[in-house]
Amino acid sequence: MHAESTHVKIACKNLQKANLALQQSLVKNDKLFRKNYNRDVWIALGVGGIGVGLGAALGSALGSMAYIGLGMPLGMLIGILIGRSMDQKAEKEGRVYSINS
């Protein structure tokens, strides 16, 4: 029984790797995106890049680095708006795929 569960875990891991490789290939080579792909990417970029930078600038200008926490949700909002507009554009152009699991 233990050997079977090990084989199942290995098979699931290999299947996840193949799925990720397929999604990356579709984005890179064919410019096809899964639903909400750009939103998810831009949320991370918004929080990490835009939000932290905005918060640090705001904190520096106001003399308290406590404002760095204010920049992160603003960056997330900016990221959601940018990603959502990119997703809508891709959907209009027919470059979005959806897989029901």
PDB file of N, CA and C in Angstrom:
ATOM      1  N   MET A   1       0.827  -1.197   0.000  1.00  0.00           N
ATOM      2  CA  MET A   1       0.000   0.000   0.000  1.00  0.00           C
ATOM      3  C   MET A   1       0.866   1.253   0.000  1.00  0.00           C
ATOM      4  N   HIS A   2       1.941   1.204   0.764  1.00  0.00           N
ATOM      5  CA  HIS A   2       2.819   2.371   0.869  1.00  0.00           C
ATOM      6  C   HIS A   2       3.482   2.676  -0.482  1.00  0.00           C
ATOM      7  N   ALA A   3       3.882   1.655  -1.205  1.00  0.00           N
ATOM      8  CA  ALA A   3       4.528   1.855  -2.512  1.00  0.00           C
ATOM      9  C   ALA A   3       3.551   2.480  -3.507  1.00  0.00           C
ATOM     10  N   GLU A   4       2.283   2.075  -3.444  1.00  0.00           N
ATOM     11  CA  GLU A   4       1.283   2.641  -4.341  1.00  0.00           C
ATOM     12  C   GLU A   4       1.075   4.127  -4.076  1.00  0.00           C
ATOM     13  N   SER A   5       1.010   4.518  -2.807  1.00  0.00           N
ATOM     14  CA  SER A   5       0.797   5.924  -2.494  1.00  0.00           C
ATOM     15  C   SER A   5       2.000   6.757  -2.926  1.00  0.00           C
ATOM     16  N   THR A   6       3.200   6.190  -2.854  1.00  0.00           N
ATOM     17  CA  THR A   6       4.399   6.890  -3.320  1.00  0.00           C
ATOM     18  C   THR A   6       4.327   7.096  -4.827  1.00  0.00           C
ATOM     19  N   HIS A   7       3.896   6.074  -5.563  1.00  0.00           N
ATOM     20  CA  HIS A   7       3.778   6.179  -7.018  1.00  0.00           C
ATOM     21  C   HIS A   7       2.701   7.196  -7.402  1.00  0.00           C
ATOM     22  N   VAL A   8       1.628   7.226  -6.654  1.00  0.00           N
ATOM     23  CA  VAL A   8       0.556   8.184  -6.931  1.00  0.00           C
ATOM     24  C   VAL A   8       1.053   9.607  -6.689  1.00  0.00           C
ATOM     25  N   LYS A   9       1.794   9.818  -5.610  1.00  0.00           N
ATOM     26  CA  LYS A   9       2.341  11.141  -5.316  1.00  0.00           C
ATOM     27  C   LYS A   9       3.303  11.587  -6.410  1.00  0.00           C
ATOM     28  N   ILE A  10       4.143  10.680  -6.873  1.00  0.00           N
ATOM     29  CA  ILE A  10       5.096  11.000  -7.944  1.00  0.00           C
ATOM     30  C   ILE A  10       4.344  11.321  -9.226  1.00  0.00           C
ATOM     31  N   ALA A  11       3.318  10.540  -9.547  1.00  0.00           N
ATOM     32  CA  ALA A  11       2.532  10.777 -10.753  1.00  0.00           C
ATOM     33  C   ALA A  11       1.822  12.129 -10.683  1.00  0.00           C
ATOM     34  N   CYS A  12       1.272  12.473  -9.523  1.00  0.00           N
ATOM     35  CA  CYS A  12       0.594  13.775  -9.367  1.00  0.00           C
ATOM     36  C   CYS A  12       1.584  14.916  -9.523  1.00  0.00           C
ATOM     37  N   LYS A  13       2.769  14.758  -8.958  1.00  0.00           N
ATOM     38  CA  LYS A  13       3.799  15.795  -9.065  1.00  0.00           C
ATOM     39  C   LYS A  13       4.215  15.988 -10.520  1.00  0.00           C
ATOM     40  N   ASN A  14       4.396  14.879 -11.243  1.00  0.00           N
ATOM     41  CA  ASN A  14       4.767  14.958 -12.660  1.00  0.00           C
ATOM     42  C   ASN A  14       3.652  15.587 -13.490  1.00  0.00           C
ATOM     43  N   LEU A  15       2.410  15.287 -13.159  1.00  0.00           N
ATOM     44  CA  LEU A  15       1.274  15.860 -13.865  1.00  0.00           C
ATOM     45  C   LEU A  15       1.195  17.370 -13.631  1.00  0.00           C
ATOM     46  N   GLN A  16       1.450  17.815 -12.397  1.00  0.00           N
ATOM     47  CA  GLN A  16       1.454  19.247 -12.104  1.00  0.00           C
ATOM     48  C   GLN A  16       2.563  19.960 -12.866  1.00  0.00           C
ATOM     49  N   LYS A  17       3.746  19.332 -12.942  1.00  0.00           N
ATOM     50  CA  LYS A  17       4.862  19.931 -13.693  1.00  0.00           C
ATOM     51  C   LYS A  17       4.521  20.040 -15.176  1.00  0.00           C
ATOM     52  N   ALA A  18       3.893  19.002 -15.730  1.00  0.00           N
ATOM     53  CA  ALA A  18       3.523  19.016 -17.142  1.00  0.00           C
ATOM     54  C   ALA A  18       2.464  20.087 -17.407  1.00  0.00           C
ATOM     55  N   ASN A  19       1.507  20.234 -16.497  1.00  0.00           N
ATOM     56  CA  ASN A  19       0.462  21.251 -16.631  1.00  0.00           C
ATOM     57  C   ASN A  19       1.080  22.647 -16.615  1.00  0.00           C
ATOM     58  N   LEU A  20       1.998  22.893 -15.692  1.00  0.00           N
ATOM     59  CA  LEU A  20       2.660  24.191 -15.609  1.00  0.00           C
ATOM     60  C   LEU A  20       3.478  24.468 -16.876  1.00  0.00           C
ATOM     61  N   ALA A  21       4.183  23.461 -17.360  1.00  0.00           N
ATOM     62  CA  ALA A  21       4.977  23.628 -18.580  1.00  0.00           C
ATOM     63  C   ALA A  21       4.077  23.946 -19.773  1.00  0.00           C
ATOM     64  N   LEU A  22       2.930  23.295 -19.858  1.00  0.00           N
ATOM     65  CA  LEU A  22       1.985  23.559 -20.943  1.00  0.00           C
ATOM     66  C   LEU A  22       1.457  24.992 -20.858  1.00  0.00           C
ATOM     67  N   GLN A  23       1.081  25.437 -19.652  1.00  0.00           N
ATOM     68  CA  GLN A  23       0.577  26.803 -19.491  1.00  0.00           C
ATOM     69  C   GLN A  23       1.644  27.826 -19.859  1.00  0.00           C
ATOM     70  N   GLN A  24       2.886  27.590 -19.427  1.00  0.00           N
ATOM     71  CA  GLN A  24       3.973  28.514 -19.748  1.00  0.00           C
ATOM     72  C   GLN A  24       4.230  28.555 -21.249  1.00  0.00           C
ATOM     73  N   SER A  25       4.133  27.416 -21.898  1.00  0.00           N
ATOM     74  CA  SER A  25       4.327  27.356 -23.342  1.00  0.00           C
ATOM     75  C   SER A  25       3.226  28.111 -24.083  1.00  0.00           C
ATOM     76  N   LEU A  26       1.985  27.969 -23.627  1.00  0.00           N
ATOM     77  CA  LEU A  26       0.881  28.676 -24.261  1.00  0.00           C
ATOM     78  C   LEU A  26       1.049  30.185 -24.140  1.00  0.00           C
ATOM     79  N   VAL A  27       1.519  30.648 -22.981  1.00  0.00           N
ATOM     80  CA  VAL A  27       1.726  32.087 -22.789  1.00  0.00           C
ATOM     81  C   VAL A  27       2.880  32.569 -23.652  1.00  0.00           C
ATOM     82  N   LYS A  28       3.995  31.869 -23.589  1.00  0.00           N
ATOM     83  CA  LYS A  28       5.214  32.316 -24.264  1.00  0.00           C
ATOM     84  C   LYS A  28       5.111  32.203 -25.784  1.00  0.00           C
ATOM     85  N   ASN A  29       4.680  31.080 -26.269  1.00  0.00           N
ATOM     86  CA  ASN A  29       4.717  30.821 -27.710  1.00  0.00           C
ATOM     87  C   ASN A  29       3.460  31.263 -28.459  1.00  0.00           C
ATOM     88  N   ASP A  30       2.313  31.097 -27.838  1.00  0.00           N
ATOM     89  CA  ASP A  30       1.054  31.333 -28.540  1.00  0.00           C
ATOM     90  C   ASP A  30       0.289  32.552 -28.040  1.00  0.00           C
ATOM     91  N   LYS A  31       0.786  33.193 -26.987  1.00  0.00           N
ATOM     92  CA  LYS A  31       0.119  34.357 -26.385  1.00  0.00           C
ATOM     93  C   LYS A  31      -1.324  34.029 -25.979  1.00  0.00           C
ATOM     94  N   LEU A  32      -1.515  32.821 -25.463  1.00  0.00           N
ATOM     95  CA  LEU A  32      -2.806  32.391 -24.934  1.00  0.00           C
ATOM     96  C   LEU A  32      -2.719  32.375 -23.416  1.00  0.00           C
ATOM     97  N   PHE A  33      -3.754  32.855 -22.759  1.00  0.00           N
ATOM     98  CA  PHE A  33      -3.726  33.003 -21.315  1.00  0.00           C
ATOM     99  C   PHE A  33      -4.895  32.269 -20.683  1.00  0.00           C
ATOM    100  N   ARG A  34      -4.685  31.718 -19.495  1.00  0.00           N
ATOM    101  CA  ARG A  34      -5.807  31.165 -18.746  1.00  0.00           C
ATOM    102  C   ARG A  34      -6.602  32.337 -18.188  1.00  0.00           C
ATOM    103  N   LYS A  35      -7.816  32.070 -17.827  1.00  0.00           N
ATOM    104  CA  LYS A  35      -8.691  33.122 -17.301  1.00  0.00           C
ATOM    105  C   LYS A  35      -8.039  33.766 -16.071  1.00  0.00           C
ATOM    106  N   ASN A  36      -8.034  35.094 -16.023  1.00  0.00           N
ATOM    107  CA  ASN A  36      -7.479  35.906 -14.935  1.00  0.00           C
ATOM    108  C   ASN A  36      -5.965  35.790 -14.767  1.00  0.00           C
ATOM    109  N   TYR A  37      -5.245  35.338 -15.776  1.00  0.00           N
ATOM    110  CA  TYR A  37      -3.789  35.204 -15.703  1.00  0.00           C
ATOM    111  C   TYR A  37      -3.118  36.551 -15.431  1.00  0.00           C
ATOM    112  N   ASN A  38      -3.438  37.557 -16.231  1.00  0.00           N
ATOM    113  CA  ASN A  38      -2.795  38.862 -16.080  1.00  0.00           C
ATOM    114  C   ASN A  38      -3.139  39.516 -14.748  1.00  0.00           C
ATOM    115  N   ARG A  39      -4.354  39.343 -14.286  1.00  0.00           N
ATOM    116  CA  ARG A  39      -4.739  39.896 -12.985  1.00  0.00           C
ATOM    117  C   ARG A  39      -3.862  39.307 -11.880  1.00  0.00           C
ATOM    118  N   ASP A  40      -3.685  37.988 -11.915  1.00  0.00           N
ATOM    119  CA  ASP A  40      -2.880  37.326 -10.890  1.00  0.00           C
ATOM    120  C   ASP A  40      -1.426  37.790 -10.932  1.00  0.00           C
ATOM    121  N   VAL A  41      -0.875  37.927 -12.128  1.00  0.00           N
ATOM    122  CA  VAL A  41       0.506  38.382 -12.272  1.00  0.00           C
ATOM    123  C   VAL A  41       0.647  39.817 -11.788  1.00  0.00           C
ATOM    124  N   TRP A  42      -0.286  40.669 -12.187  1.00  0.00           N
ATOM    125  CA  TRP A  42      -0.176  42.085 -11.845  1.00  0.00           C
ATOM    126  C   TRP A  42      -0.494  42.381 -10.386  1.00  0.00           C
ATOM    127  N   ILE A  43      -1.247  41.533  -9.708  1.00  0.00           N
ATOM    128  CA  ILE A  43      -1.436  41.716  -8.267  1.00  0.00           C
ATOM    129  C   ILE A  43      -0.085  41.599  -7.569  1.00  0.00           C
ATOM    130  N   ALA A  44       0.672  40.569  -7.917  1.00  0.00           N
ATOM    131  CA  ALA A  44       1.994  40.383  -7.303  1.00  0.00           C
ATOM    132  C   ALA A  44       2.930  41.537  -7.647  1.00  0.00           C
ATOM    133  N   LEU A  45       2.921  41.955  -8.899  1.00  0.00           N
ATOM    134  CA  LEU A  45       3.770  43.085  -9.293  1.00  0.00           C
ATOM    135  C   LEU A  45       3.319  44.379  -8.624  1.00  0.00           C
ATOM    136  N   GLY A  46       2.019  44.551  -8.484  1.00  0.00           N
ATOM    137  CA  GLY A  46       1.493  45.757  -7.855  1.00  0.00           C
ATOM    138  C   GLY A  46       1.884  45.857  -6.392  1.00  0.00           C
ATOM    139  N   VAL A  47       1.745  44.761  -5.667  1.00  0.00           N
ATOM    140  CA  VAL A  47       2.103  44.774  -4.249  1.00  0.00           C
ATOM    141  C   VAL A  47       3.613  44.900  -4.082  1.00  0.00           C
ATOM    142  N   GLY A  48       4.355  44.044  -4.781  1.00  0.00           N
ATOM    143  CA  GLY A  48       5.808  43.994  -4.597  1.00  0.00           C
ATOM    144  C   GLY A  48       6.557  45.164  -5.181  1.00  0.00           C
ATOM    145  N   GLY A  49       6.192  45.582  -6.359  1.00  0.00           N
ATOM    146  CA  GLY A  49       6.939  46.638  -7.024  1.00  0.00           C
ATOM    147  C   GLY A  49       6.348  48.016  -6.824  1.00  0.00           C
ATOM    148  N   ILE A  50       5.116  48.165  -7.204  1.00  0.00           N
ATOM    149  CA  ILE A  50       4.475  49.475  -7.158  1.00  0.00           C
ATOM    150  C   ILE A  50       4.151  49.864  -5.716  1.00  0.00           C
ATOM    151  N   GLY A  51       3.529  48.965  -4.974  1.00  0.00           N
ATOM    152  CA  GLY A  51       3.057  49.284  -3.635  1.00  0.00           C
ATOM    153  C   GLY A  51       4.166  49.569  -2.648  1.00  0.00           C
ATOM    154  N   VAL A  52       5.188  48.731  -2.627  1.00  0.00           N
ATOM    155  CA  VAL A  52       6.291  48.953  -1.696  1.00  0.00           C
ATOM    156  C   VAL A  52       7.022  50.245  -2.047  1.00  0.00           C
ATOM    157  N   GLY A  53       7.239  50.467  -3.335  1.00  0.00           N
ATOM    158  CA  GLY A  53       7.891  51.712  -3.760  1.00  0.00           C
ATOM    159  C   GLY A  53       7.073  52.938  -3.422  1.00  0.00           C
ATOM    160  N   LEU A  54       5.773  52.852  -3.676  1.00  0.00           N
ATOM    161  CA  LEU A  54       4.873  53.959  -3.366  1.00  0.00           C
ATOM    162  C   LEU A  54       4.818  54.210  -1.864  1.00  0.00           C
ATOM    163  N   GLY A  55       4.732  53.138  -1.083  1.00  0.00           N
ATOM    164  CA  GLY A  55       4.701  53.263   0.373  1.00  0.00           C
ATOM    165  C   GLY A  55       5.995  53.827   0.927  1.00  0.00           C
ATOM    166  N   ALA A  56       7.134  53.391   0.374  1.00  0.00           N
ATOM    167  CA  ALA A  56       8.424  53.908   0.828  1.00  0.00           C
ATOM    168  C   ALA A  56       8.554  55.394   0.490  1.00  0.00           C
ATOM    169  N   ALA A  57       8.116  55.787  -0.678  1.00  0.00           N
ATOM    170  CA  ALA A  57       8.176  57.197  -1.060  1.00  0.00           C
ATOM    171  C   ALA A  57       7.261  58.033  -0.174  1.00  0.00           C
ATOM    172  N   LEU A  58       6.065  57.518   0.073  1.00  0.00           N
ATOM    173  CA  LEU A  58       5.122  58.217   0.934  1.00  0.00           C
ATOM    174  C   LEU A  58       5.664  58.317   2.361  1.00  0.00           C
ATOM    175  N   GLY A  59       6.215  57.225   2.862  1.00  0.00           N
ATOM    176  CA  GLY A  59       6.789  57.217   4.204  1.00  0.00           C
ATOM    177  C   GLY A  59       7.965  58.156   4.337  1.00  0.00           C
ATOM    178  N   SER A  60       8.790  58.199   3.312  1.00  0.00           N
ATOM    179  CA  SER A  60       9.940  59.097   3.331  1.00  0.00           C
ATOM    180  C   SER A  60       9.494  60.559   3.296  1.00  0.00           C
ATOM    181  N   ALA A  61       8.493  60.841   2.472  1.00  0.00           N
ATOM    182  CA  ALA A  61       8.005  62.215   2.352  1.00  0.00           C
ATOM    183  C   ALA A  61       7.320  62.683   3.634  1.00  0.00           C
ATOM    184  N   LEU A  62       6.625  61.775   4.304  1.00  0.00           N
ATOM    185  CA  LEU A  62       5.891  62.159   5.510  1.00  0.00           C
ATOM    186  C   LEU A  62       6.692  61.921   6.792  1.00  0.00           C
ATOM    187  N   GLY A  63       7.867  61.349   6.671  1.00  0.00           N
ATOM    188  CA  GLY A  63       8.752  61.172   7.819  1.00  0.00           C
ATOM    189  C   GLY A  63       8.431  59.985   8.707  1.00  0.00           C
ATOM    190  N   SER A  64       7.622  59.037   8.235  1.00  0.00           N
ATOM    191  CA  SER A  64       7.313  57.846   9.022  1.00  0.00           C
ATOM    192  C   SER A  64       7.184  56.650   8.084  1.00  0.00           C
ATOM    193  N   MET A  65       8.019  55.654   8.289  1.00  0.00           N
ATOM    194  CA  MET A  65       7.984  54.489   7.407  1.00  0.00           C
ATOM    195  C   MET A  65       6.775  53.591   7.688  1.00  0.00           C
ATOM    196  N   ALA A  66       5.933  53.982   8.612  1.00  0.00           N
ATOM    197  CA  ALA A  66       4.693  53.238   8.852  1.00  0.00           C
ATOM    198  C   ALA A  66       3.785  53.294   7.628  1.00  0.00           C
ATOM    199  N   TYR A  67       3.990  54.281   6.782  1.00  0.00           N
ATOM    200  CA  TYR A  67       3.153  54.435   5.593  1.00  0.00           C
ATOM    201  C   TYR A  67       3.478  53.414   4.497  1.00  0.00           C
ATOM    202  N   ILE A  68       4.534  52.646   4.686  1.00  0.00           N
ATOM    203  CA  ILE A  68       4.846  51.616   3.686  1.00  0.00           C
ATOM    204  C   ILE A  68       3.695  50.608   3.612  1.00  0.00           C
ATOM    205  N   GLY A  69       3.022  50.390   4.738  1.00  0.00           N
ATOM    206  CA  GLY A  69       1.868  49.488   4.760  1.00  0.00           C
ATOM    207  C   GLY A  69       0.679  50.031   3.997  1.00  0.00           C
ATOM    208  N   LEU A  70       0.609  51.328   3.818  1.00  0.00           N
ATOM    209  CA  LEU A  70      -0.471  51.940   3.053  1.00  0.00           C
ATOM    210  C   LEU A  70      -0.248  51.768   1.550  1.00  0.00           C
ATOM    211  N   GLY A  71       1.019  51.731   1.146  1.00  0.00           N
ATOM    212  CA  GLY A  71       1.335  51.594  -0.273  1.00  0.00           C
ATOM    213  C   GLY A  71       0.994  50.227  -0.833  1.00  0.00           C
ATOM    214  N   MET A  72       1.085  49.199  -0.007  1.00  0.00           N
ATOM    215  CA  MET A  72       0.853  47.839  -0.495  1.00  0.00           C
ATOM    216  C   MET A  72      -0.575  47.614  -0.992  1.00  0.00           C
ATOM    217  N   PRO A  73      -1.612  47.997  -0.242  1.00  0.00           N
ATOM    218  CA  PRO A  73      -2.959  47.818  -0.799  1.00  0.00           C
ATOM    219  C   PRO A  73      -3.220  48.721  -2.013  1.00  0.00           C
ATOM    220  N   LEU A  74      -2.608  49.900  -2.023  1.00  0.00           N
ATOM    221  CA  LEU A  74      -2.753  50.756  -3.205  1.00  0.00           C
ATOM    222  C   LEU A  74      -2.102  50.098  -4.418  1.00  0.00           C
ATOM    223  N   GLY A  75      -0.930  49.510  -4.219  1.00  0.00           N
ATOM    224  CA  GLY A  75      -0.262  48.790  -5.307  1.00  0.00           C
ATOM    225  C   GLY A  75      -1.069  47.600  -5.777  1.00  0.00           C
ATOM    226  N   MET A  76      -1.713  46.901  -4.829  1.00  0.00           N
ATOM    227  CA  MET A  76      -2.551  45.766  -5.205  1.00  0.00           C
ATOM    228  C   MET A  76      -3.732  46.243  -6.045  1.00  0.00           C
ATOM    229  N   LEU A  77      -4.332  47.339  -5.653  1.00  0.00           N
ATOM    230  CA  LEU A  77      -5.447  47.895  -6.421  1.00  0.00           C
ATOM    231  C   LEU A  77      -5.006  48.282  -7.825  1.00  0.00           C
ATOM    232  N   ILE A  78      -3.869  48.936  -7.937  1.00  0.00           N
ATOM    233  CA  ILE A  78      -3.333  49.305  -9.253  1.00  0.00           C
ATOM    234  C   ILE A  78      -3.067  48.052 -10.077  1.00  0.00           C
ATOM    235  N   GLY A  79      -2.478  47.030  -9.453  1.00  0.00           N
ATOM    236  CA  GLY A  79      -2.203  45.770 -10.149  1.00  0.00           C
ATOM    237  C   GLY A  79      -3.467  45.083 -10.636  1.00  0.00           C
ATOM    238  N   ILE A  80      -4.502  45.088  -9.804  1.00  0.00           N
ATOM    239  CA  ILE A  80      -5.777  44.476 -10.205  1.00  0.00           C
ATOM    240  C   ILE A  80      -6.356  45.210 -11.405  1.00  0.00           C
ATOM    241  N   LEU A  81      -6.314  46.535 -11.371  1.00  0.00           N
ATOM    242  CA  LEU A  81      -6.877  47.319 -12.475  1.00  0.00           C
ATOM    243  C   LEU A  81      -6.112  47.093 -13.780  1.00  0.00           C
ATOM    244  N   ILE A  82      -4.784  47.084 -13.706  1.00  0.00           N
ATOM    245  CA  ILE A  82      -3.976  46.856 -14.911  1.00  0.00           C
ATOM    246  C   ILE A  82      -4.197  45.439 -15.445  1.00  0.00           C
ATOM    247  N   GLY A  83      -4.110  44.451 -14.564  1.00  0.00           N
ATOM    248  CA  GLY A  83      -4.282  43.056 -14.986  1.00  0.00           C
ATOM    249  C   GLY A  83      -5.661  42.781 -15.541  1.00  0.00           C
ATOM    250  N   ARG A  84      -6.666  43.360 -14.909  1.00  0.00           N
ATOM    251  CA  ARG A  84      -8.045  43.153 -15.378  1.00  0.00           C
ATOM    252  C   ARG A  84      -8.244  43.731 -16.769  1.00  0.00           C
ATOM    253  N   SER A  85      -7.678  44.911 -17.009  1.00  0.00           N
ATOM    254  CA  SER A  85      -7.831  45.503 -18.343  1.00  0.00           C
ATOM    255  C   SER A  85      -7.090  44.670 -19.391  1.00  0.00           C
ATOM    256  N   MET A  86      -5.931  44.120 -19.018  1.00  0.00           N
ATOM    257  CA  MET A  86      -5.201  43.260 -19.959  1.00  0.00           C
ATOM    258  C   MET A  86      -5.969  41.965 -20.221  1.00  0.00           C
ATOM    259  N   ASP A  87      -6.603  41.409 -19.177  1.00  0.00           N
ATOM    260  CA  ASP A  87      -7.416  40.199 -19.350  1.00  0.00           C
ATOM    261  C   ASP A  87      -8.616  40.471 -20.258  1.00  0.00           C
ATOM    262  N   GLN A  88      -9.247  41.624 -20.079  1.00  0.00           N
ATOM    263  CA  GLN A  88     -10.396  41.970 -20.922  1.00  0.00           C
ATOM    264  C   GLN A  88      -9.965  42.135 -22.376  1.00  0.00           C
ATOM    265  N   LYS A  89      -8.812  42.741 -22.601  1.00  0.00           N
ATOM    266  CA  LYS A  89      -8.307  42.910 -23.965  1.00  0.00           C
ATOM    267  C   LYS A  89      -8.016  41.550 -24.602  1.00  0.00           C
ATOM    268  N   ALA A  90      -7.365  40.665 -23.838  1.00  0.00           N
ATOM    269  CA  ALA A  90      -7.054  39.331 -24.357  1.00  0.00           C
ATOM    270  C   ALA A  90      -8.330  38.549 -24.652  1.00  0.00           C
ATOM    271  N   GLU A  91      -9.343  38.723 -23.807  1.00  0.00           N
ATOM    272  CA  GLU A  91     -10.603  38.017 -24.039  1.00  0.00           C
ATOM    273  C   GLU A  91     -11.295  38.519 -25.301  1.00  0.00           C
ATOM    274  N   LYS A  92     -11.264  39.821 -25.531  1.00  0.00           N
ATOM    275  CA  LYS A  92     -11.858  40.384 -26.751  1.00  0.00           C
ATOM    276  C   LYS A  92     -11.143  39.850 -27.992  1.00  0.00           C
ATOM    277  N   GLU A  93      -9.828  39.635 -27.863  1.00  0.00           N
ATOM    278  CA  GLU A  93      -9.044  39.142 -28.999  1.00  0.00           C
ATOM    279  C   GLU A  93      -9.089  37.624 -29.114  1.00  0.00           C
ATOM    280  N   GLY A  94      -9.806  36.950 -28.206  1.00  0.00           N
ATOM    281  CA  GLY A  94      -9.940  35.495 -28.271  1.00  0.00           C
ATOM    282  C   GLY A  94      -8.687  34.749 -27.854  1.00  0.00           C
ATOM    283  N   ARG A  95      -7.910  35.313 -26.940  1.00  0.00           N
ATOM    284  CA  ARG A  95      -6.665  34.681 -26.515  1.00  0.00           C
ATOM    285  C   ARG A  95      -6.740  34.137 -25.088  1.00  0.00           C
ATOM    286  N   VAL A  96      -7.943  33.802 -24.627  1.00  0.00           N
ATOM    287  CA  VAL A  96      -8.137  33.270 -23.279  1.00  0.00           C
ATOM    288  C   VAL A  96      -8.701  31.872 -23.387  1.00  0.00           C
ATOM    289  N   TYR A  97      -8.135  30.956 -22.611  1.00  0.00           N
ATOM    290  CA  TYR A  97      -8.674  29.593 -22.584  1.00  0.00           C
ATOM    291  C   TYR A  97      -9.137  29.282 -21.167  1.00  0.00           C
ATOM    292  N   SER A  98     -10.050  28.359 -21.075  1.00  0.00           N
ATOM    293  CA  SER A  98     -10.574  27.947 -19.778  1.00  0.00           C
ATOM    294  C   SER A  98     -10.650  26.430 -19.758  1.00  0.00           C
ATOM    295  N   ILE A  99     -10.124  25.863 -18.688  1.00  0.00           N
ATOM    296  CA  ILE A  99     -10.180  24.416 -18.524  1.00  0.00           C
ATOM    297  C   ILE A  99     -10.999  24.137 -17.279  1.00  0.00           C
ATOM    298  N   ASN A 100     -12.075  23.411 -17.442  1.00  0.00           N
ATOM    299  CA  ASN A 100     -12.906  23.041 -16.296  1.00  0.00           C
ATOM    300  C   ASN A 100     -12.357  21.778 -15.672  1.00  0.00           C
ATOM    301  N   SER A 101     -12.133  21.823 -14.372  1.00  0.00           N
ATOM    302  CA  SER A 101     -11.601  20.637 -13.710  1.00  0.00           C
ATOM    303  C   SER A 101     -12.586  20.051 -12.742  1.00  0.00           C
TER     304      SER A 101
END
